[in-house]
Amino acid sequence: MDTRQLLRKEIETIPDTLVEEILRFVKALKERNLPALSCELLDASESALARDWLREEEDIAWKNL
């Protein structure tokens, strides 16, 4: 049984009030790790977007700004 399955099994056996607390905890963990995930996505997309950024048309379009 993998970790997610074990977690589901544990959650099924606890009172609803604790399930709500666990949900808040999980959301807090996700929010705390969101900046790291955002940086990973930014790094991953940079090379793909660079093709557009490095085009002469882009330089012309943004020249006056």
PDB file of N, CA and C in Angstrom:
ATOM      1  N   MET A   1       0.849  -1.175   0.000  1.00  0.00           N
ATOM      2  CA  MET A   1       0.000   0.000   0.000  1.00  0.00           C
ATOM      3  C   MET A   1       0.898   1.243   0.000  1.00  0.00           C
ATOM      4  N   ASP A   2       0.616   2.187  -0.906  1.00  0.00           N
ATOM      5  CA  ASP A   2       1.456   3.387  -0.973  1.00  0.00           C
ATOM      6  C   ASP A   2       1.002   4.434   0.052  1.00  0.00           C
ATOM      7  N   THR A   3       1.760   5.494   0.156  1.00  0.00           N
ATOM      8  CA  THR A   3       1.517   6.513   1.179  1.00  0.00           C
ATOM      9  C   THR A   3       0.149   7.170   1.029  1.00  0.00           C
ATOM     10  N   ARG A   4      -0.247   7.471  -0.194  1.00  0.00           N
ATOM     11  CA  ARG A   4      -1.567   8.096  -0.399  1.00  0.00           C
ATOM     12  C   ARG A   4      -2.693   7.173   0.067  1.00  0.00           C
ATOM     13  N   GLN A   5      -2.558   5.905  -0.236  1.00  0.00           N
ATOM     14  CA  GLN A   5      -3.579   4.949   0.196  1.00  0.00           C
ATOM     15  C   GLN A   5      -3.624   4.854   1.720  1.00  0.00           C
ATOM     16  N   LEU A   6      -2.466   4.852   2.351  1.00  0.00           N
ATOM     17  CA  LEU A   6      -2.424   4.821   3.812  1.00  0.00           C
ATOM     18  C   LEU A   6      -3.067   6.066   4.406  1.00  0.00           C
ATOM     19  N   LEU A   7      -2.793   7.217   3.803  1.00  0.00           N
ATOM     20  CA  LEU A   7      -3.381   8.467   4.281  1.00  0.00           C
ATOM     21  C   LEU A   7      -4.899   8.440   4.129  1.00  0.00           C
ATOM     22  N   ARG A   8      -5.378   7.983   2.982  1.00  0.00           N
ATOM     23  CA  ARG A   8      -6.832   7.882   2.779  1.00  0.00           C
ATOM     24  C   ARG A   8      -7.466   6.971   3.827  1.00  0.00           C
ATOM     25  N   LYS A   9      -6.821   5.849   4.086  1.00  0.00           N
ATOM     26  CA  LYS A   9      -7.332   4.894   5.067  1.00  0.00           C
ATOM     27  C   LYS A   9      -7.419   5.535   6.453  1.00  0.00           C
ATOM     28  N   GLU A  10      -6.391   6.278   6.832  1.00  0.00           N
ATOM     29  CA  GLU A  10      -6.396   6.952   8.136  1.00  0.00           C
ATOM     30  C   GLU A  10      -7.483   8.009   8.198  1.00  0.00           C
ATOM     31  N   ILE A  11      -7.634   8.780   7.151  1.00  0.00           N
ATOM     32  CA  ILE A  11      -8.633   9.848   7.137  1.00  0.00           C
ATOM     33  C   ILE A  11     -10.042   9.286   7.244  1.00  0.00           C
ATOM     34  N   GLU A  12     -10.274   8.138   6.647  1.00  0.00           N
ATOM     35  CA  GLU A  12     -11.600   7.517   6.700  1.00  0.00           C
ATOM     36  C   GLU A  12     -12.000   7.112   8.111  1.00  0.00           C
ATOM     37  N   THR A  13     -11.048   6.953   9.014  1.00  0.00           N
ATOM     38  CA  THR A  13     -11.362   6.438  10.348  1.00  0.00           C
ATOM     39  C   THR A  13     -11.387   7.508  11.433  1.00  0.00           C
ATOM     40  N   ILE A  14     -11.237   8.776  11.075  1.00  0.00           N
ATOM     41  CA  ILE A  14     -11.200   9.816  12.105  1.00  0.00           C
ATOM     42  C   ILE A  14     -12.462  10.676  12.052  1.00  0.00           C
ATOM     43  N   PRO A  15     -12.776  11.374  13.137  1.00  0.00           N
ATOM     44  CA  PRO A  15     -13.976  12.231  13.176  1.00  0.00           C
ATOM     45  C   PRO A  15     -13.886  13.377  12.166  1.00  0.00           C
ATOM     46  N   ASP A  16     -15.051  13.838  11.733  1.00  0.00           N
ATOM     47  CA  ASP A  16     -15.116  14.917  10.743  1.00  0.00           C
ATOM     48  C   ASP A  16     -14.383  16.167  11.186  1.00  0.00           C
ATOM     49  N   THR A  17     -14.403  16.470  12.459  1.00  0.00           N
ATOM     50  CA  THR A  17     -13.712  17.675  12.936  1.00  0.00           C
ATOM     51  C   THR A  17     -12.214  17.587  12.666  1.00  0.00           C
ATOM     52  N   LEU A  18     -11.654  16.399  12.763  1.00  0.00           N
ATOM     53  CA  LEU A  18     -10.232  16.247  12.455  1.00  0.00           C
ATOM     54  C   LEU A  18      -9.976  16.278  10.958  1.00  0.00           C
ATOM     55  N   VAL A  19     -10.924  15.801  10.177  1.00  0.00           N
ATOM     56  CA  VAL A  19     -10.781  15.850   8.717  1.00  0.00           C
ATOM     57  C   VAL A  19     -10.676  17.305   8.269  1.00  0.00           C
ATOM     58  N   GLU A  20     -11.495  18.160   8.860  1.00  0.00           N
ATOM     59  CA  GLU A  20     -11.444  19.590   8.521  1.00  0.00           C
ATOM     60  C   GLU A  20     -10.097  20.184   8.901  1.00  0.00           C
ATOM     61  N   GLU A  21      -9.564  19.779  10.040  1.00  0.00           N
ATOM     62  CA  GLU A  21      -8.259  20.270  10.465  1.00  0.00           C
ATOM     63  C   GLU A  21      -7.158  19.785   9.518  1.00  0.00           C
ATOM     64  N   ILE A  22      -7.254  18.551   9.100  1.00  0.00           N
ATOM     65  CA  ILE A  22      -6.276  17.994   8.154  1.00  0.00           C
ATOM     66  C   ILE A  22      -6.348  18.734   6.828  1.00  0.00           C
ATOM     67  N   LEU A  23      -7.557  19.038   6.388  1.00  0.00           N
ATOM     68  CA  LEU A  23      -7.715  19.786   5.136  1.00  0.00           C
ATOM     69  C   LEU A  23      -7.040  21.146   5.233  1.00  0.00           C
ATOM     70  N   ARG A  24      -7.235  21.846   6.347  1.00  0.00           N
ATOM     71  CA  ARG A  24      -6.572  23.145   6.538  1.00  0.00           C
ATOM     72  C   ARG A  24      -5.052  22.981   6.522  1.00  0.00           C
ATOM     73  N   PHE A  25      -4.576  21.922   7.153  1.00  0.00           N
ATOM     74  CA  PHE A  25      -3.138  21.660   7.196  1.00  0.00           C
ATOM     75  C   PHE A  25      -2.581  21.397   5.796  1.00  0.00           C
ATOM     76  N   VAL A  26      -3.281  20.579   5.032  1.00  0.00           N
ATOM     77  CA  VAL A  26      -2.830  20.260   3.674  1.00  0.00           C
ATOM     78  C   VAL A  26      -2.809  21.526   2.812  1.00  0.00           C
ATOM     79  N   LYS A  27      -3.835  22.336   2.936  1.00  0.00           N
ATOM     80  CA  LYS A  27      -3.867  23.589   2.174  1.00  0.00           C
ATOM     81  C   LYS A  27      -2.716  24.510   2.570  1.00  0.00           C
ATOM     82  N   ALA A  28      -2.416  24.564   3.857  1.00  0.00           N
ATOM     83  CA  ALA A  28      -1.302  25.395   4.322  1.00  0.00           C
ATOM     84  C   ALA A  28       0.020  24.880   3.774  1.00  0.00           C
ATOM     85  N   LEU A  29       0.187  23.571   3.750  1.00  0.00           N
ATOM     86  CA  LEU A  29       1.407  22.991   3.177  1.00  0.00           C
ATOM     87  C   LEU A  29       1.546  23.345   1.704  1.00  0.00           C
ATOM     88  N   LYS A  30       0.450  23.255   0.966  1.00  0.00           N
ATOM     89  CA  LYS A  30       0.492  23.588  -0.458  1.00  0.00           C
ATOM     90  C   LYS A  30       0.842  25.052  -0.665  1.00  0.00           C
ATOM     91  N   GLU A  31       0.241  25.926   0.131  1.00  0.00           N
ATOM     92  CA  GLU A  31       0.519  27.365  -0.001  1.00  0.00           C
ATOM     93  C   GLU A  31       1.971  27.671   0.340  1.00  0.00           C
ATOM     94  N   ARG A  32       2.482  26.995   1.361  1.00  0.00           N
ATOM     95  CA  ARG A  32       3.870  27.228   1.770  1.00  0.00           C
ATOM     96  C   ARG A  32       4.835  26.798   0.671  1.00  0.00           C
ATOM     97  N   ASN A  33       4.481  25.769  -0.075  1.00  0.00           N
ATOM     98  CA  ASN A  33       5.354  25.261  -1.125  1.00  0.00           C
ATOM     99  C   ASN A  33       5.060  25.863  -2.488  1.00  0.00           C
ATOM    100  N   LEU A  34       4.041  26.678  -2.583  1.00  0.00           N
ATOM    101  CA  LEU A  34       3.668  27.276  -3.865  1.00  0.00           C
ATOM    102  C   LEU A  34       4.786  28.095  -4.491  1.00  0.00           C
ATOM    103  N   PRO A  35       5.502  28.945  -3.740  1.00  0.00           N
ATOM    104  CA  PRO A  35       6.592  29.690  -4.377  1.00  0.00           C
ATOM    105  C   PRO A  35       7.634  28.776  -5.023  1.00  0.00           C
ATOM    106  N   ALA A  36       7.960  27.675  -4.389  1.00  0.00           N
ATOM    107  CA  ALA A  36       8.937  26.746  -4.963  1.00  0.00           C
ATOM    108  C   ALA A  36       8.388  26.131  -6.244  1.00  0.00           C
ATOM    109  N   LEU A  37       7.108  25.763  -6.218  1.00  0.00           N
ATOM    110  CA  LEU A  37       6.501  25.190  -7.414  1.00  0.00           C
ATOM    111  C   LEU A  37       6.454  26.217  -8.538  1.00  0.00           C
ATOM    112  N   SER A  38       6.147  27.465  -8.195  1.00  0.00           N
ATOM    113  CA  SER A  38       6.093  28.520  -9.199  1.00  0.00           C
ATOM    114  C   SER A  38       7.451  28.733  -9.845  1.00  0.00           C
ATOM    115  N   CYS A  39       8.504  28.691  -9.052  1.00  0.00           N
ATOM    116  CA  CYS A  39       9.855  28.854  -9.595  1.00  0.00           C
ATOM    117  C   CYS A  39      10.198  27.708 -10.531  1.00  0.00           C
ATOM    118  N   GLU A  40       9.807  26.505 -10.170  1.00  0.00           N
ATOM    119  CA  GLU A  40      10.072  25.356 -11.025  1.00  0.00           C
ATOM    120  C   GLU A  40       9.351  25.516 -12.359  1.00  0.00           C
ATOM    121  N   LEU A  41       8.097  25.964 -12.308  1.00  0.00           N
ATOM    122  CA  LEU A  41       7.339  26.159 -13.545  1.00  0.00           C
ATOM    123  C   LEU A  41       7.943  27.279 -14.384  1.00  0.00           C
ATOM    124  N   LEU A  42       8.368  28.336 -13.724  1.00  0.00           N
ATOM    125  CA  LEU A  42       8.999  29.447 -14.432  1.00  0.00           C
ATOM    126  C   LEU A  42      10.264  28.984 -15.138  1.00  0.00           C
ATOM    127  N   ASP A  43      11.094  28.241 -14.441  1.00  0.00           N
ATOM    128  CA  ASP A  43      12.325  27.729 -15.043  1.00  0.00           C
ATOM    129  C   ASP A  43      12.021  26.813 -16.221  1.00  0.00           C
ATOM    130  N   ALA A  44      11.008  25.974 -16.067  1.00  0.00           N
ATOM    131  CA  ALA A  44      10.659  25.035 -17.129  1.00  0.00           C
ATOM    132  C   ALA A  44      10.116  25.752 -18.365  1.00  0.00           C
ATOM    133  N   SER A  45       9.379  26.837 -18.152  1.00  0.00           N
ATOM    134  CA  SER A  45       8.767  27.529 -19.283  1.00  0.00           C
ATOM    135  C   SER A  45       9.717  28.524 -19.950  1.00  0.00           C
ATOM    136  N   GLU A  46      10.772  28.914 -19.253  1.00  0.00           N
ATOM    137  CA  GLU A  46      11.653  29.952 -19.783  1.00  0.00           C
ATOM    138  C   GLU A  46      12.263  29.571 -21.126  1.00  0.00           C
ATOM    139  N   SER A  47      12.730  28.353 -21.258  1.00  0.00           N
ATOM    140  CA  SER A  47      13.359  27.964 -22.527  1.00  0.00           C
ATOM    141  C   SER A  47      12.344  27.930 -23.664  1.00  0.00           C
ATOM    142  N   ALA A  48      11.116  27.509 -23.366  1.00  0.00           N
ATOM    143  CA  ALA A  48      10.084  27.475 -24.399  1.00  0.00           C
ATOM    144  C   ALA A  48       9.691  28.888 -24.822  1.00  0.00           C
ATOM    145  N   LEU A  49       9.565  29.780 -23.839  1.00  0.00           N
ATOM    146  CA  LEU A  49       9.170  31.159 -24.149  1.00  0.00           C
ATOM    147  C   LEU A  49      10.307  31.960 -24.772  1.00  0.00           C
ATOM    148  N   ALA A  50      11.529  31.552 -24.526  1.00  0.00           N
ATOM    149  CA  ALA A  50      12.683  32.285 -25.057  1.00  0.00           C
ATOM    150  C   ALA A  50      12.647  32.351 -26.576  1.00  0.00           C
ATOM    151  N   ARG A  51      12.104  31.329 -27.200  1.00  0.00           N
ATOM    152  CA  ARG A  51      12.011  31.346 -28.674  1.00  0.00           C
ATOM    153  C   ARG A  51      11.242  32.569 -29.150  1.00  0.00           C
ATOM    154  N   ASP A  52      10.158  32.908 -28.432  1.00  0.00           N
ATOM    155  CA  ASP A  52       9.375  34.090 -28.798  1.00  0.00           C
ATOM    156  C   ASP A  52      10.057  35.374 -28.340  1.00  0.00           C
ATOM    157  N   TRP A  53      10.611  35.353 -27.149  1.00  0.00           N
ATOM    158  CA  TRP A  53      11.235  36.557 -26.606  1.00  0.00           C
ATOM    159  C   TRP A  53      12.408  37.029 -27.447  1.00  0.00           C
ATOM    160  N   LEU A  54      13.120  36.105 -28.036  1.00  0.00           N
ATOM    161  CA  LEU A  54      14.342  36.450 -28.756  1.00  0.00           C
ATOM    162  C   LEU A  54      14.113  36.754 -30.235  1.00  0.00           C
ATOM    163  N   ARG A  55      12.868  36.863 -30.636  1.00  0.00           N
ATOM    164  CA  ARG A  55      12.571  37.180 -32.040  1.00  0.00           C
ATOM    165  C   ARG A  55      12.704  38.679 -32.282  1.00  0.00           C
ATOM    166  N   GLU A  56      13.089  39.032 -33.472  1.00  0.00           N
ATOM    167  CA  GLU A  56      13.243  40.442 -33.841  1.00  0.00           C
ATOM    168  C   GLU A  56      11.912  41.192 -33.727  1.00  0.00           C
ATOM    169  N   GLU A  57      10.817  40.518 -34.054  1.00  0.00           N
ATOM    170  CA  GLU A  57       9.499  41.151 -33.958  1.00  0.00           C
ATOM    171  C   GLU A  57       9.194  41.592 -32.528  1.00  0.00           C
ATOM    172  N   GLU A  58       9.615  40.808 -31.568  1.00  0.00           N
ATOM    173  CA  GLU A  58       9.409  41.162 -30.164  1.00  0.00           C
ATOM    174  C   GLU A  58      10.208  42.414 -29.809  1.00  0.00           C
ATOM    175  N   ASP A  59      11.443  42.471 -30.266  1.00  0.00           N
ATOM    176  CA  ASP A  59      12.272  43.641 -29.992  1.00  0.00           C
ATOM    177  C   ASP A  59      11.643  44.904 -30.569  1.00  0.00           C
ATOM    178  N   ILE A  60      11.120  44.797 -31.767  1.00  0.00           N
ATOM    179  CA  ILE A  60      10.476  45.945 -32.415  1.00  0.00           C
ATOM    180  C   ILE A  60       9.229  46.347 -31.641  1.00  0.00           C
ATOM    181  N   ALA A  61       8.414  45.363 -31.230  1.00  0.00           N
ATOM    182  CA  ALA A  61       7.162  45.651 -30.540  1.00  0.00           C
ATOM    183  C   ALA A  61       7.391  46.362 -29.211  1.00  0.00           C
ATOM    184  N   TRP A  62       8.479  46.052 -28.512  1.00  0.00           N
ATOM    185  CA  TRP A  62       8.723  46.602 -27.192  1.00  0.00           C
ATOM    186  C   TRP A  62       9.755  47.747 -27.200  1.00  0.00           C
ATOM    187  N   LYS A  63      10.182  48.145 -28.368  1.00  0.00           N
ATOM    188  CA  LYS A  63      11.253  49.128 -28.490  1.00  0.00           C
ATOM    189  C   LYS A  63      10.914  50.464 -27.822  1.00  0.00           C
ATOM    190  N   ASN A  64       9.675  50.907 -27.932  1.00  0.00           N
ATOM    191  CA  ASN A  64       9.289  52.221 -27.414  1.00  0.00           C
ATOM    192  C   ASN A  64       8.935  52.223 -25.933  1.00  0.00           C
ATOM    193  N   LEU A  65       8.999  51.103 -25.291  1.00  0.00           N
ATOM    194  CA  LEU A  65       8.621  51.056 -23.866  1.00  0.00           C
ATOM    195  C   LEU A  65       9.808  51.096 -22.956  1.00  0.00           C
TER     196      LEU A  65
END
